[in-house]
Structures are given as structure tokens and as C-alpha cells.
């Protein structure tokens, strides 16, 4: 969000995943689309069969790389060096779009000066990719009539995540690959409605529609609409809230649909922070690990038990319709919030979700013209000048960007190593992520007999050469230890891992990967370093049946 808002003035995707069919070249960066975005992945594979060149850049050889024309298995944490090297070669070959740069970007000269320091030889040495491959990636991208980039959590979940995204924005901008069919920037969202939640204002520095809280004119508009004075200060991000709880700043929390006891980095620190609270309320559909720790649990409703809208990664606003009543004492979320709000002196008197949606639309320029009545069965893309006649706008920024001056702001990014590097004591790099069968902390999917039968246990994935050196066989147990914690889990030998790295899914409470991860964050985006920390891997000294975590 931070890099996109800074660079193009919008945190939404500039085109859809289906637009890949119009691209000559597509880069898939730091994204395990087969597991995390299977629908998008099917579009990428179809586009490849129809002639789109796929370039996959990821330390882990995800399944989508099996379809790639070029696969670049970069060293973990070296994305900036890789893309700087590619852009250096694009400039050297004269493949930049000078007209686009002159008319629609700013700060190109500063970017060009920095990129001069990243010839393919230097960039390749840093990221582990041969200069010849870097040059070929640059040639394919630079010569394409239409090129598009899709990225996932492998780009953003680093202490350099904002810089990683800045490089992708610059790569598209200097070649004029924004604002036309088959071009653009598409951050594949990490959750099914994270786009809608972000659009609606669930980012601590923005009102709905990414309108900054610290701009007086915008704040005054919302004060008039909501008939009350609003705080001009930016709020705290999740990682900042944890730090504040430890220092006594935040003393109470009201948590909805979140399970930080498993999902946040360095969860021993998170548990200590939540233990320091004077009060914790959790609103969820199941008794999660975090809810077990709460002073009050408010039983909420699932998606089948409530009306509302969901906005997916394509900017498609879709209507969800209730088909079941909530069980027992469970209630729909907005009614719980409204009742609590009324009891603490903030009156709310909504009668329906459509009434709430209409209020949002009135304050969100990008949602203008959308209503429950015109969303239809398949939803609508935003912005949408005429929902009755149009599905909505596929390609954004055709004439100007959403910045104050209408230009894309290019921000040079210097490669910086990760905060915690491998050492003699902790020689491996740990990467964490998801599996196809499970979702985040498994509060729903691990309660599914079918899904949990397919993927019932925590596994550490190791390169065959590394496993051989460690004396660990497939199916045996290993202990993985970081400076923060240690877990035991089964080993899977995998040709998809970078030598010197291991991968652990974070769904499993019995071997919680986030006991190991580091709580360092990106200084701009405040996103944790889930994709890089130093660990030690060794044969387990306990029987397989005693696997667990401490």
C-alpha cells in the first residue's frame, strides 16, 4: 500500500488478473499463485498457452514456475538488486519509453543515477542470477508491446518490502507499461476481502478510499458527514500496537477475525504483549488460540450467515447474501459493533448493510454509482461510470495517475540486506507461507475433515543437498531453532527450495512457524519480515510422536 500510494496515488490494482491475456510478457514476483490465488493462476497458465511469456522471480520454485519461460531463483531478500539490474540493462539497451517518462513520471534522473550502480554483473552477484539471464529478462520486458507485473507476499513481507514494490512500479513506468490493456501493476491480495477492507478505511492512516487522515480538507469532509470531531493523528499498525501494549500505551484491544497468537511474528513476544493488556475482547466464529485468552468472546457470524459486500483483488465489488441464520447466540458483526457503539456513547442507527454501503459510496469517489441493486450476480469493477451498462473500468491510469500532479513518482531503492542474516550458529534462511489446503491459522480449514486429511501436519521443506548434509531423511523429524524459539516437525525433501533455505507453512498450532520468525518490520509499510530469518535445522532428538513446539 505504501509504495503504491506514494508512486501512483492509489493502493488498488491498476488492472485485473484476467488482463494478462493481453500481455506479451508477465512477471510473477514473490507469489505462490497456485496455492494462494488458484483462480488467478489458471488465468496465467491460459495466457502462457496463448503466447504470453511468463517470467517467475522467487527464491522458492513454486508450482507456477513449471510454466515459466524464464525462472529466476534469486537468493532470498535480493529482489531490489534483481530489478535494479534488469532496469539498468533496459536503460543500457535504450528500451525505455522516453515519451512516457517525460510526460507521465517524475524523478527519473535520480532513478537513473542509482541504477547506474547495478550493472548485471553486480546485480547478479548479489541475487545469484547470471548476468546473461538478467539481460534476457530485460530484453523480453523492454521489447514487449505490453508487459504486466503481478506480485504477492514474497515482495511485501520483508523489511525492504516498500523498496521491492518501488522497483516494480519503476520497472513498469520507465517502459510505459501502465494504463494500457495488458500492462500495469497488480499486487495479488493476501486475503479474500483485504481489498474491500482497505477500501473501506481499515488502514490506520486513511479514511475510506485511501483519503489521508492528516489532510485537513479531507478530515473536515468526514467530520461533516459523521457530525463529530475526528482525531487528526495517524493510528497504529498491528506491529506498532503490539509494541505499544508492551510499553503500556495500548491497554485494551477489541479484535475481530484475527488470531495473532499464531499469525503474528515472534509470537512469544505477541503473547507477552497481549498478557499485559488490561482487557481483551475477541469477536470470531470459532474459539481461536487468541480467543481462548480473551476476557470476553463475542460469537460472530460466518459469510453464509450475513449480507454484505466483498471486494476482490481485481477491484470487483460483489454482493454476499445470507442463506443461514447464525447459530446459538452468534450475531452478525455490524450489529454487534452497532450495539457496542451505542452503549459507549457513539450513536449508530443503521437498519441494513445496504444502508451502510450507501453511506460508504457517498464518501468514496471510486465507488460512486454502485448500489446493492446494480451490483448484480457477478458484481462490478470500480470505478464504474455506468453500472447499468458497464462491468466497470478494467485498466486504470490511462491518462493520468492519482497523484497530486498526475505523474508516477519514481523512488530509487538501494539494495539492503535482511536485518538478521545467517551465521555459523543459525546457517539457514527460513521462509514461511501458506499451503493450498489451508488458510492462515487454520481456524476454519483445519476444522474441515477433508482439507485437514490432505494436509494434516506441519512440515519443513528442505533442499535434497541440505537434507543430505544434515543427515535427515524424508519423513524423519527435525528441530528448527531461531533466536526466538524452537519447533519440531516432519521433514519433506523438496527440489523447490533454494539451497541454504527452508520453508514452513504457518497454519499449525502444534508447530507454530511464527515462534521462529523475527518481528523486524518495513520502516515505511510496517509489514513484518515473514520471509527471512536465520534458523538452525538439526535431526530431532525426540520420537516423532512427541512433535510439538515450545
Protein backbone atom coordinates (compact mmCIF):
# COMPACT_ATOMS: atom_id res chain seq x y z
CA UNK A 1 0.00 0.00 0.00
CA UNK A 2 2.72 2.49 0.98
CA UNK A 3 4.71 2.20 -2.25
CA UNK A 4 1.62 2.26 -4.46
CA UNK A 5 0.11 5.27 -2.74
CA UNK A 6 3.46 7.07 -2.91
CA UNK A 7 4.10 6.10 -6.52
CA UNK A 8 0.74 6.18 -8.29
CA UNK A 9 -1.63 7.63 -5.68
CA UNK A 10 -3.78 4.54 -5.31
CA UNK A 11 -3.47 1.30 -3.38
CA UNK A 12 -5.77 -0.59 -5.76
CA UNK A 13 -4.58 -2.75 -8.64
CA UNK A 14 -4.24 -0.94 -11.96
CA UNK A 15 -5.68 -3.84 -13.95
CA UNK A 16 -7.27 -7.26 -13.46
CA UNK A 17 -5.62 -10.65 -13.40
CA UNK A 18 -7.64 -11.56 -16.49
CA UNK A 19 -5.87 -8.76 -18.39
CA UNK A 20 -2.78 -10.97 -18.52
CA UNK A 21 -4.29 -12.45 -21.68
CA UNK A 22 -3.45 -9.15 -23.43
CA UNK A 23 0.18 -9.08 -22.25
CA UNK A 24 3.20 -10.12 -24.29
CA UNK A 25 5.20 -10.60 -21.09
CA UNK A 26 4.14 -11.08 -17.46
CA UNK A 27 6.39 -11.11 -14.41
CA UNK A 28 5.15 -13.08 -11.39
CA UNK A 29 7.17 -11.84 -8.44
CA UNK A 30 7.17 -13.41 -4.98
CA UNK A 31 3.83 -15.10 -5.44
CA UNK A 32 2.80 -18.73 -4.96
CA UNK A 33 -0.28 -18.27 -7.10
CA UNK A 34 -1.13 -21.96 -7.43
CA UNK A 35 -1.69 -22.23 -3.67
CA UNK A 36 -2.67 -18.68 -2.72
CA UNK A 37 -4.52 -17.42 -5.81
CA UNK A 38 -5.59 -20.53 -7.75
CA UNK A 39 -8.12 -18.66 -9.91
CA UNK A 40 -5.54 -16.08 -10.95
CA UNK A 41 -3.06 -18.89 -11.52
CA UNK A 42 -5.40 -20.51 -14.04
CA UNK A 43 -5.52 -17.22 -15.98
CA UNK A 44 -1.72 -17.05 -16.03
CA UNK A 45 -1.44 -20.61 -17.35
CA UNK A 46 -4.07 -19.95 -20.03
CA UNK A 47 -2.26 -16.78 -21.10
CA UNK A 48 1.00 -18.71 -21.32
CA UNK A 49 -0.61 -21.32 -23.56
CA UNK A 50 -1.78 -18.48 -25.81
CA UNK A 51 1.66 -16.94 -26.12
CA UNK A 52 2.29 -14.69 -23.11
CA UNK A 53 5.87 -15.06 -21.91
CA UNK A 54 5.93 -15.82 -18.18
CA UNK A 55 8.89 -14.74 -16.05
CA UNK A 56 8.76 -16.06 -12.48
CA UNK A 57 11.05 -14.49 -9.88
CA UNK A 58 11.03 -16.22 -6.49
CA UNK A 59 13.54 -17.88 -4.14
CA UNK A 60 11.17 -20.84 -3.91
CA UNK A 61 10.41 -22.76 -7.11
CA UNK A 62 6.64 -22.56 -6.75
CA UNK A 63 4.44 -24.69 -9.00
CA UNK A 64 3.63 -21.80 -11.32
CA UNK A 65 7.33 -21.69 -12.23
CA UNK A 66 6.82 -25.03 -14.01
CA UNK A 67 5.01 -22.99 -16.68
CA UNK A 68 7.58 -20.19 -16.88
CA UNK A 69 9.64 -19.29 -19.92
CA UNK A 70 12.27 -17.95 -17.53
CA UNK A 71 12.51 -18.88 -13.87
CA UNK A 72 14.84 -16.79 -11.70
CA UNK A 73 15.56 -18.46 -8.35
CA UNK A 74 17.00 -15.39 -6.67
CA UNK A 75 18.61 -15.51 -3.26
CA UNK A 76 16.12 -14.61 -0.50
CA UNK A 77 15.90 -10.88 0.16
CA UNK A 78 17.61 -9.73 -3.05
CA UNK A 79 14.61 -8.52 -5.07
CA UNK A 80 15.81 -4.91 -5.18
CA UNK A 81 19.17 -5.90 -6.65
CA UNK A 82 17.48 -8.12 -9.24
CA UNK A 83 15.06 -5.48 -10.53
CA UNK A 84 17.67 -2.73 -10.38
CA UNK A 85 19.89 -4.91 -12.56
CA UNK A 86 17.06 -5.51 -15.03
CA UNK A 87 16.28 -1.78 -15.23
CA UNK A 88 19.99 -0.95 -15.67
CA UNK A 89 20.06 -3.21 -18.73
CA UNK A 90 16.79 -1.78 -20.09
CA UNK A 91 18.32 1.69 -19.97
CA UNK A 92 21.60 0.45 -21.49
CA UNK A 93 19.70 -1.08 -24.42
CA UNK A 94 17.68 2.09 -24.99
CA UNK A 95 14.40 0.30 -24.30
CA UNK A 96 12.89 2.93 -22.00
CA UNK A 97 9.79 4.86 -23.12
CA UNK A 98 11.14 8.40 -23.23
CA UNK A 99 7.78 9.94 -24.10
CA UNK A 100 6.06 8.27 -21.14
CA UNK A 101 8.91 9.19 -18.80
CA UNK A 102 8.85 12.84 -19.87
CA UNK A 103 5.09 13.24 -19.82
CA UNK A 104 3.92 10.99 -17.02
CA UNK A 105 6.69 10.44 -14.44
CA UNK A 106 8.86 12.44 -12.06
CA UNK A 107 12.32 11.88 -10.54
CA UNK A 108 13.58 9.71 -13.40
CA UNK A 109 17.05 11.30 -13.33
CA UNK A 110 17.58 10.26 -9.70
CA UNK A 111 16.44 6.73 -10.51
CA UNK A 112 18.78 6.53 -13.49
CA UNK A 113 21.74 7.66 -11.37
CA UNK A 114 21.11 4.91 -8.83
CA UNK A 115 20.56 2.24 -11.49
CA UNK A 116 23.97 3.04 -12.96
CA UNK A 117 25.39 1.30 -9.87
CA UNK A 118 23.65 -2.01 -10.73
CA UNK A 119 25.11 -3.48 -13.93
CA UNK A 120 24.00 -7.10 -14.43
CA UNK A 121 27.37 -8.34 -13.18
CA UNK A 122 26.96 -6.67 -9.78
CA UNK A 123 23.21 -7.32 -9.52
CA UNK A 124 23.72 -10.94 -10.50
CA UNK A 125 26.41 -11.44 -7.88
CA UNK A 126 24.03 -10.16 -5.19
CA UNK A 127 20.92 -12.08 -6.25
CA UNK A 128 22.52 -15.26 -7.59
CA UNK A 129 21.29 -14.91 -11.18
CA UNK A 130 23.69 -14.94 -14.11
CA UNK A 131 24.18 -11.62 -15.97
CA UNK A 132 23.03 -13.35 -19.17
CA UNK A 133 19.66 -14.21 -17.63
CA UNK A 134 19.25 -10.69 -16.25
CA UNK A 135 19.92 -9.32 -19.73
CA UNK A 136 17.41 -11.69 -21.29
CA UNK A 137 14.72 -10.67 -18.78
CA UNK A 138 15.47 -7.02 -19.57
CA UNK A 139 15.29 -7.66 -23.31
CA UNK A 140 11.98 -9.54 -23.13
CA UNK A 141 10.39 -6.91 -20.89
CA UNK A 142 11.81 -3.92 -22.74
CA UNK A 143 10.86 -5.14 -26.22
CA UNK A 144 7.31 -6.16 -25.25
CA UNK A 145 4.46 -4.06 -26.60
CA UNK A 146 2.54 -4.81 -23.41
CA UNK A 147 4.03 -6.11 -20.15
CA UNK A 148 2.46 -6.57 -16.74
CA UNK A 149 3.67 -7.46 -13.25
CA UNK A 150 1.85 -9.40 -10.53
CA UNK A 151 3.32 -9.74 -7.06
CA UNK A 152 2.50 -11.36 -3.75
CA UNK A 153 3.58 -11.53 -0.14
CA UNK A 154 7.08 -12.54 -1.20
CA UNK A 155 7.57 -8.92 -2.23
CA UNK A 156 5.87 -7.12 0.66
CA UNK A 157 6.71 -9.29 3.70
CA UNK A 158 10.28 -8.04 4.03
CA UNK A 159 11.93 -5.19 5.89
CA UNK A 160 12.60 -3.90 2.36
CA UNK A 161 9.07 -4.60 1.14
CA UNK A 162 8.32 -0.99 0.21
CA UNK A 163 11.57 -0.78 -1.75
CA UNK A 164 10.73 -4.04 -3.52
CA UNK A 165 7.40 -2.57 -4.67
CA UNK A 166 9.06 0.73 -5.63
CA UNK A 167 11.27 -1.21 -8.05
CA UNK A 168 8.28 -2.91 -9.68
CA UNK A 169 6.49 0.43 -10.06
CA UNK A 170 9.61 1.93 -11.66
CA UNK A 171 10.05 -1.09 -13.97
CA UNK A 172 6.56 -0.57 -15.38
CA UNK A 173 6.78 3.22 -15.52
CA UNK A 174 10.11 3.61 -17.34
CA UNK A 175 8.90 1.27 -20.08
CA UNK A 176 5.44 2.83 -20.37
CA UNK A 177 3.74 -0.33 -19.18
CA UNK A 178 0.87 1.26 -17.27
CA UNK A 179 -2.50 2.49 -18.47
CA UNK A 180 -2.99 0.21 -21.48
CA UNK A 181 -4.52 -3.28 -21.91
CA UNK A 182 -2.05 -5.96 -20.92
CA UNK A 183 0.04 -3.60 -18.80
CA UNK A 184 0.10 -2.46 -15.21
CA UNK A 185 0.68 -3.20 -11.55
CA UNK A 186 -1.24 -5.91 -9.73
CA UNK A 187 -0.42 -6.75 -6.10
CA UNK A 188 -2.26 -10.03 -5.54
CA UNK A 189 -4.02 -9.54 -2.21
CA UNK A 190 -3.25 -11.80 0.70
CA UNK A 191 -6.85 -12.27 1.87
CA UNK A 192 -10.17 -12.60 0.08
CA UNK A 193 -11.57 -9.20 1.14
CA UNK A 194 -8.43 -7.30 2.08
CA UNK A 195 -9.06 -5.01 -0.90
CA UNK A 196 -12.56 -4.22 0.36
CA UNK A 197 -11.40 -3.76 3.95
CA UNK A 198 -8.64 -1.41 2.80
CA UNK A 199 -11.03 0.47 0.53
CA UNK A 200 -13.41 0.94 3.46
CA UNK A 201 -10.73 2.53 5.64
CA UNK A 202 -9.27 -0.30 7.72
CA UNK A 203 -5.80 1.19 7.37
CA UNK A 204 -4.80 3.40 10.30
CA UNK A 205 -3.59 6.34 8.24
CA UNK A 206 -6.55 6.52 5.84
CA UNK A 207 -10.25 7.23 5.81
CA UNK A 208 -12.29 5.21 3.27
CA UNK A 209 -10.95 5.28 -0.29
CA UNK A 210 -7.35 5.94 0.85
CA UNK A 211 -8.02 9.52 1.89
CA UNK A 212 -5.29 10.54 4.39
CA UNK A 213 -6.47 11.33 7.92
CA UNK A 214 -3.85 14.06 8.33
CA UNK A 215 -5.12 16.25 5.48
CA UNK A 216 -7.39 18.95 6.97
CA UNK A 217 -9.71 19.33 3.97
CA UNK A 218 -10.37 15.59 3.84
CA UNK A 219 -10.84 15.34 7.60
CA UNK A 220 -13.34 18.20 7.55
CA UNK A 221 -15.36 16.39 4.88
CA UNK A 222 -15.65 13.29 7.05
CA UNK A 223 -16.39 15.38 10.14
CA UNK A 224 -19.34 16.94 8.33
CA UNK A 225 -20.60 13.56 7.17
CA UNK A 226 -20.24 11.91 10.58
CA UNK A 227 -21.17 15.02 12.59
CA UNK A 228 -18.30 14.80 15.05
CA UNK A 229 -14.71 15.91 15.53
CA UNK A 230 -12.10 13.41 14.29
CA UNK A 231 -8.56 12.79 15.50
CA UNK A 232 -6.01 14.19 13.01
CA UNK A 233 -3.27 11.76 14.09
CA UNK A 234 -2.46 8.61 12.17
CA UNK A 235 -3.30 5.40 14.01
CA UNK A 236 -1.07 2.46 14.89
CA UNK A 237 -0.43 -0.52 12.64
CA UNK A 238 -0.70 -4.07 14.01
CA UNK A 239 3.01 -4.34 14.70
CA UNK A 240 3.03 -0.93 16.39
CA UNK A 241 0.05 -1.93 18.55
CA UNK A 242 1.98 -4.93 19.89
CA UNK A 243 4.96 -2.73 20.77
CA UNK A 244 2.67 -0.19 22.42
CA UNK A 245 0.96 -2.89 24.51
CA UNK A 246 4.35 -3.99 25.81
CA UNK A 247 5.20 -0.44 26.84
CA UNK A 248 1.79 0.18 28.45
CA UNK A 249 0.50 2.57 25.79
CA UNK A 250 -2.28 0.31 24.50
CA UNK A 251 -4.15 -1.19 27.45
CA UNK A 252 -7.17 -2.78 25.78
CA UNK A 253 -7.98 -4.42 22.45
CA UNK A 254 -11.12 -5.37 20.56
CA UNK A 255 -10.14 -7.96 17.97
CA UNK A 256 -12.28 -9.21 15.08
CA UNK A 257 -11.40 -12.18 12.86
CA UNK A 258 -7.74 -12.05 13.84
CA UNK A 259 -5.61 -14.69 15.53
CA UNK A 260 -2.25 -13.08 16.38
CA UNK A 261 -1.36 -15.91 18.77
CA UNK A 262 -0.46 -17.82 15.60
CA UNK A 263 -0.35 -15.29 12.76
CA UNK A 264 1.98 -12.56 14.04
CA UNK A 265 5.79 -12.77 14.01
CA UNK A 266 7.71 -13.73 17.15
CA UNK A 267 4.54 -14.91 18.86
CA UNK A 268 6.20 -15.29 22.24
CA UNK A 269 6.51 -11.50 22.18
CA UNK A 270 2.90 -11.17 20.98
CA UNK A 271 1.64 -13.36 23.80
CA UNK A 272 3.60 -11.29 26.29
CA UNK A 273 2.06 -8.11 24.86
CA UNK A 274 -1.50 -9.46 25.00
CA UNK A 275 -0.88 -10.72 28.54
CA UNK A 276 -0.02 -7.15 29.54
CA UNK A 277 -3.42 -5.83 28.43
CA UNK A 278 -6.00 -4.82 30.99
CA UNK A 279 -8.78 -6.05 28.71
CA UNK A 280 -9.07 -8.18 25.55
CA UNK A 281 -12.27 -8.85 23.62
CA UNK A 282 -12.31 -11.22 20.64
CA UNK A 283 -15.11 -11.43 18.08
CA UNK A 284 -14.86 -14.55 15.93
CA UNK A 285 -16.78 -17.54 14.61
CA UNK A 286 -14.59 -20.12 16.39
CA UNK A 287 -12.72 -20.20 19.67
CA UNK A 288 -9.28 -19.45 18.26
CA UNK A 289 -6.00 -19.59 20.17
CA UNK A 290 -6.34 -15.85 20.78
CA UNK A 291 -10.00 -16.12 21.81
CA UNK A 292 -9.02 -18.69 24.45
CA UNK A 293 -7.00 -15.90 26.04
CA UNK A 294 -9.71 -13.21 25.90
CA UNK A 295 -11.66 -11.66 28.77
CA UNK A 296 -14.78 -11.56 26.58
CA UNK A 297 -15.62 -13.60 23.48
CA UNK A 298 -18.33 -12.30 21.14
CA UNK A 299 -19.65 -15.07 18.85
CA UNK A 300 -19.78 -13.72 15.30
CA UNK A 301 -21.29 -14.97 12.05
CA UNK A 302 -19.76 -16.65 9.02
CA UNK A 303 -20.08 -15.41 5.45
CA UNK A 304 -23.11 -17.65 4.89
CA UNK A 305 -24.92 -16.04 7.81
CA UNK A 306 -24.78 -12.36 6.81
CA UNK A 307 -25.28 -9.91 3.99
CA UNK A 308 -22.55 -7.58 2.80
CA UNK A 309 -20.08 -6.84 0.05
CA UNK A 310 -16.67 -8.26 -0.75
CA UNK A 311 -14.13 -6.55 -2.98
CA UNK A 312 -11.61 -8.90 -4.52
CA UNK A 313 -8.10 -8.32 -5.81
CA UNK A 314 -9.48 -7.14 -9.18
CA UNK A 315 -11.44 -4.25 -7.60
CA UNK A 316 -14.63 -6.25 -8.18
CA UNK A 317 -17.31 -5.39 -5.62
CA UNK A 318 -19.54 -8.43 -5.08
CA UNK A 319 -22.67 -8.91 -3.03
CA UNK A 320 -22.73 -11.66 -0.41
CA UNK A 321 -26.20 -12.87 0.56
CA UNK A 322 -27.27 -14.54 3.78
CA UNK A 323 -28.52 -18.13 3.41
CA UNK A 324 -28.48 -19.29 7.05
CA UNK A 325 -29.28 -17.82 10.44
CA UNK A 326 -26.32 -17.55 12.84
CA UNK A 327 -26.30 -20.45 15.33
CA UNK A 328 -26.92 -20.06 19.04
CA UNK A 329 -26.02 -16.63 20.39
CA UNK A 330 -23.90 -15.71 17.37
CA UNK A 331 -24.79 -12.41 15.68
CA UNK A 332 -23.80 -10.57 12.53
CA UNK A 333 -20.73 -8.40 13.02
CA UNK A 334 -22.17 -4.99 12.16
CA UNK A 335 -25.00 -5.39 14.67
CA UNK A 336 -22.54 -6.32 17.43
CA UNK A 337 -20.46 -3.24 16.60
CA UNK A 338 -23.53 -1.01 16.46
CA UNK A 339 -24.83 -2.19 19.84
CA UNK A 340 -21.42 -1.68 21.47
CA UNK A 341 -21.11 1.74 19.87
CA UNK A 342 -24.49 2.84 21.20
CA UNK A 343 -23.59 1.66 24.71
CA UNK A 344 -20.37 3.68 24.81
CA UNK A 345 -21.99 6.88 23.60
CA UNK A 346 -21.39 6.81 19.84
CA UNK A 347 -24.90 6.55 18.36
CA UNK A 348 -25.45 4.32 15.32
CA UNK A 349 -28.87 3.55 13.89
CA UNK A 350 -28.36 1.55 10.71
CA UNK A 351 -31.15 -0.75 9.61
CA UNK A 352 -29.32 -2.81 6.98
CA UNK A 353 -25.99 -3.46 5.30
CA UNK A 354 -27.25 -1.71 2.16
CA UNK A 355 -27.72 1.47 4.20
CA UNK A 356 -24.13 1.21 5.43
CA UNK A 357 -22.90 0.58 1.89
CA UNK A 358 -24.76 3.64 0.57
CA UNK A 359 -23.03 5.79 3.20
CA UNK A 360 -19.64 4.43 2.17
CA UNK A 361 -20.32 5.09 -1.50
CA UNK A 362 -21.19 8.69 -0.68
CA UNK A 363 -17.74 9.16 0.86
CA UNK A 364 -15.71 7.04 -1.58
CA UNK A 365 -15.22 8.62 -5.02
CA UNK A 366 -14.03 5.33 -6.55
CA UNK A 367 -17.27 3.60 -5.53
CA UNK A 368 -19.51 6.30 -6.99
CA UNK A 369 -22.65 4.93 -8.73
CA UNK A 370 -22.50 1.49 -7.07
CA UNK A 371 -25.58 0.20 -5.23
CA UNK A 372 -26.84 -3.14 -3.99
CA UNK A 373 -29.34 -3.07 -6.86
CA UNK A 374 -26.81 -2.68 -9.67
CA UNK A 375 -24.06 -4.99 -8.36
CA UNK A 376 -25.97 -7.94 -9.80
CA UNK A 377 -24.98 -11.59 -9.52
CA UNK A 378 -21.32 -11.16 -10.51
CA UNK A 379 -20.52 -7.74 -9.06
CA UNK A 380 -18.96 -4.68 -10.69
CA UNK A 381 -15.46 -3.30 -11.06
CA UNK A 382 -14.73 0.15 -9.73
CA UNK A 383 -14.52 2.90 -10.84
CA UNK A 384 -17.70 2.50 -12.82
CA UNK A 385 -19.34 5.47 -14.59
CA UNK A 386 -22.47 3.49 -15.55
CA UNK A 387 -23.05 0.20 -13.69
CA UNK A 388 -26.28 -0.44 -15.59
CA UNK A 389 -24.41 -0.59 -18.89
CA UNK A 390 -20.83 -1.44 -17.92
CA UNK A 391 -18.92 -4.04 -15.93
CA UNK A 392 -16.57 -1.25 -14.85
CA UNK A 393 -13.09 0.05 -15.59
CA UNK A 394 -10.51 -2.68 -16.20
CA UNK A 395 -7.42 -0.52 -16.83
CA UNK A 396 -6.65 2.47 -14.59
CA UNK A 397 -4.29 5.41 -15.19
CA UNK A 398 -4.94 5.62 -18.92
CA UNK A 399 -4.40 9.39 -18.94
CA UNK A 400 -3.04 10.31 -15.51
CA UNK A 401 -2.07 8.81 -12.18
CA UNK A 402 -3.96 9.52 -8.97
CA UNK A 403 -1.15 11.64 -7.51
CA UNK A 404 -1.42 15.38 -6.89
CA UNK A 405 0.43 16.19 -10.13
CA UNK A 406 -0.92 13.26 -12.14
CA UNK A 407 2.54 11.73 -12.54
CA UNK A 408 4.05 8.47 -11.33
CA UNK A 409 6.66 9.28 -8.70
CA UNK A 410 9.78 7.14 -9.20
CA UNK A 411 11.64 6.37 -5.98
CA UNK A 412 15.18 4.95 -6.27
CA UNK A 413 15.79 1.95 -3.99
CA UNK A 414 19.22 0.85 -2.80
CA UNK A 415 19.57 -2.86 -2.04
CA UNK A 416 19.89 -3.55 1.69
CA UNK A 417 20.48 -6.98 3.26
CA UNK A 418 17.97 -8.51 5.65
CA UNK A 419 18.14 -7.48 9.31
CA UNK A 420 19.01 -10.99 10.51
CA UNK A 421 21.49 -12.84 8.33
CA UNK A 422 22.57 -16.49 8.54
CA UNK A 423 25.50 -17.22 10.83
CA UNK A 424 27.54 -20.20 11.94
CA UNK A 425 25.02 -20.88 14.71
CA UNK A 426 21.95 -20.24 12.54
CA UNK A 427 23.04 -21.06 8.97
CA UNK A 428 19.66 -21.41 7.22
CA UNK A 429 17.14 -18.85 5.95
CA UNK A 430 13.53 -19.55 6.96
CA UNK A 431 10.70 -18.67 4.59
CA UNK A 432 7.08 -19.02 5.77
CA UNK A 433 3.83 -19.11 3.83
CA UNK A 434 0.64 -20.98 3.06
CA UNK A 435 -0.48 -24.27 1.54
CA UNK A 436 -3.31 -24.72 -0.96
CA UNK A 437 -5.41 -26.68 1.55
CA UNK A 438 -5.23 -24.28 4.49
CA UNK A 439 -5.94 -20.67 5.26
CA UNK A 440 -3.79 -18.65 7.62
CA UNK A 441 -4.00 -20.06 11.15
CA UNK A 442 -6.40 -22.84 10.15
CA UNK A 443 -9.25 -21.68 12.40
CA UNK A 444 -11.66 -22.75 9.64
CA UNK A 445 -9.75 -25.04 7.28
CA UNK A 446 -8.28 -27.25 10.00
CA UNK A 447 -11.84 -27.88 11.16
CA UNK A 448 -12.60 -29.28 7.70
CA UNK A 449 -12.14 -33.06 7.75
CA UNK A 450 -11.37 -33.20 4.02
CA UNK A 451 -8.81 -30.38 3.97
CA UNK A 452 -7.08 -31.43 7.17
CA UNK A 453 -6.90 -35.01 5.92
CA UNK A 454 -4.96 -33.83 2.86
CA UNK A 455 -2.58 -31.62 4.85
CA UNK A 456 -2.83 -32.76 8.48
CA UNK A 457 0.56 -31.79 9.90
CA UNK A 458 3.33 -29.25 9.97
CA UNK A 459 6.23 -29.89 7.62
CA UNK A 460 9.60 -28.28 6.99
CA UNK A 461 10.65 -28.40 3.34
CA UNK A 462 14.38 -28.87 2.73
CA UNK A 463 16.60 -28.95 -0.36
CA UNK A 464 17.88 -32.51 -1.00
CA UNK A 465 21.52 -31.47 -0.70
CA UNK A 466 20.91 -29.70 2.59
CA UNK A 467 18.99 -32.67 4.00
CA UNK A 468 21.80 -35.00 3.00
CA UNK A 469 24.41 -32.84 4.76
CA UNK A 470 22.23 -32.73 7.87
CA UNK A 471 21.67 -36.49 7.83
CA UNK A 472 17.88 -36.12 7.75
CA UNK A 473 15.68 -38.27 5.52
CA UNK A 474 12.26 -37.63 4.06
CA UNK A 475 9.58 -38.28 6.69
CA UNK A 476 12.00 -38.01 9.60
CA UNK A 477 11.74 -35.27 12.20
CA UNK A 478 13.87 -32.17 12.56
CA UNK A 479 14.16 -29.44 15.13
CA UNK A 480 14.18 -25.92 13.69
CA UNK A 481 15.50 -23.23 16.03
CA UNK A 482 15.85 -19.47 15.79
CA UNK A 483 16.91 -16.84 18.31
CA UNK A 484 13.27 -16.66 19.43
CA UNK A 485 12.02 -20.21 19.64
CA UNK A 486 12.18 -23.83 18.53
CA UNK A 487 9.77 -26.34 16.98
CA UNK A 488 9.87 -29.98 15.91
CA UNK A 489 8.21 -31.12 12.72
CA UNK A 490 8.39 -33.63 9.90
CA UNK A 491 10.85 -33.17 7.01
CA UNK A 492 9.84 -33.16 3.35
CA UNK A 493 12.65 -33.29 0.78
CA UNK A 494 11.81 -30.74 -1.90
CA UNK A 495 13.53 -29.71 -5.13
CA UNK A 496 11.68 -26.39 -4.91
CA UNK A 497 13.80 -24.91 -2.12
CA UNK A 498 16.85 -22.70 -2.54
CA UNK A 499 19.92 -24.43 -1.05
CA UNK A 500 20.51 -22.93 2.37
CA UNK A 501 16.81 -22.14 2.85
CA UNK A 502 13.83 -23.96 4.30
CA UNK A 503 10.08 -23.40 4.08
CA UNK A 504 7.49 -23.89 6.85
CA UNK A 505 3.73 -23.23 6.50
CA UNK A 506 2.33 -21.24 9.41
CA UNK A 507 -1.08 -22.95 9.77
CA UNK A 508 -0.23 -25.41 12.54
CA UNK A 509 -0.53 -24.57 16.22
CA UNK A 510 1.33 -27.74 17.23
CA UNK A 511 4.46 -26.48 15.41
CA UNK A 512 3.88 -22.76 15.03
CA UNK A 513 6.26 -21.28 12.46
CA UNK A 514 5.85 -17.82 13.96
CA UNK A 515 7.58 -18.93 17.13
CA UNK A 516 10.67 -18.63 14.94
CA UNK A 517 10.04 -15.52 12.83
CA UNK A 518 11.54 -12.13 13.59
CA UNK A 519 9.43 -9.09 14.47
CA UNK A 520 11.51 -6.64 12.41
CA UNK A 521 9.30 -4.54 10.13
CA UNK A 522 9.50 -2.46 6.99
CA UNK A 523 10.07 1.11 8.26
CA UNK A 524 7.57 2.56 5.77
CA UNK A 525 4.86 -0.06 5.28
CA UNK A 526 5.20 -1.54 8.81
CA UNK A 527 4.87 -5.07 7.40
CA UNK A 528 6.81 -7.81 9.24
CA UNK A 529 9.72 -9.83 7.87
CA UNK A 530 7.85 -13.13 7.46
CA UNK A 531 10.05 -14.26 4.58
CA UNK A 532 13.54 -14.09 6.08
CA UNK A 533 15.08 -15.03 9.40
CA UNK A 534 18.07 -17.13 10.42
CA UNK A 535 17.46 -20.63 11.78
CA UNK A 536 19.28 -23.84 12.63
CA UNK A 537 17.97 -27.21 11.37
CA UNK A 538 19.05 -30.46 13.03
CA UNK A 539 17.74 -34.00 13.49
CA UNK A 540 15.15 -34.19 16.25
CA UNK A 541 16.22 -35.96 19.42
CA UNK A 542 12.69 -36.99 20.35
CA UNK A 543 10.33 -39.55 18.90
CA UNK A 544 8.14 -38.49 16.02
CA UNK A 545 5.03 -38.85 18.12
CA UNK A 546 6.24 -36.21 20.53
CA UNK A 547 6.49 -33.48 17.89
CA UNK A 548 5.43 -30.12 19.17
CA UNK A 549 6.59 -26.62 19.95
CA UNK A 550 7.87 -24.66 22.86
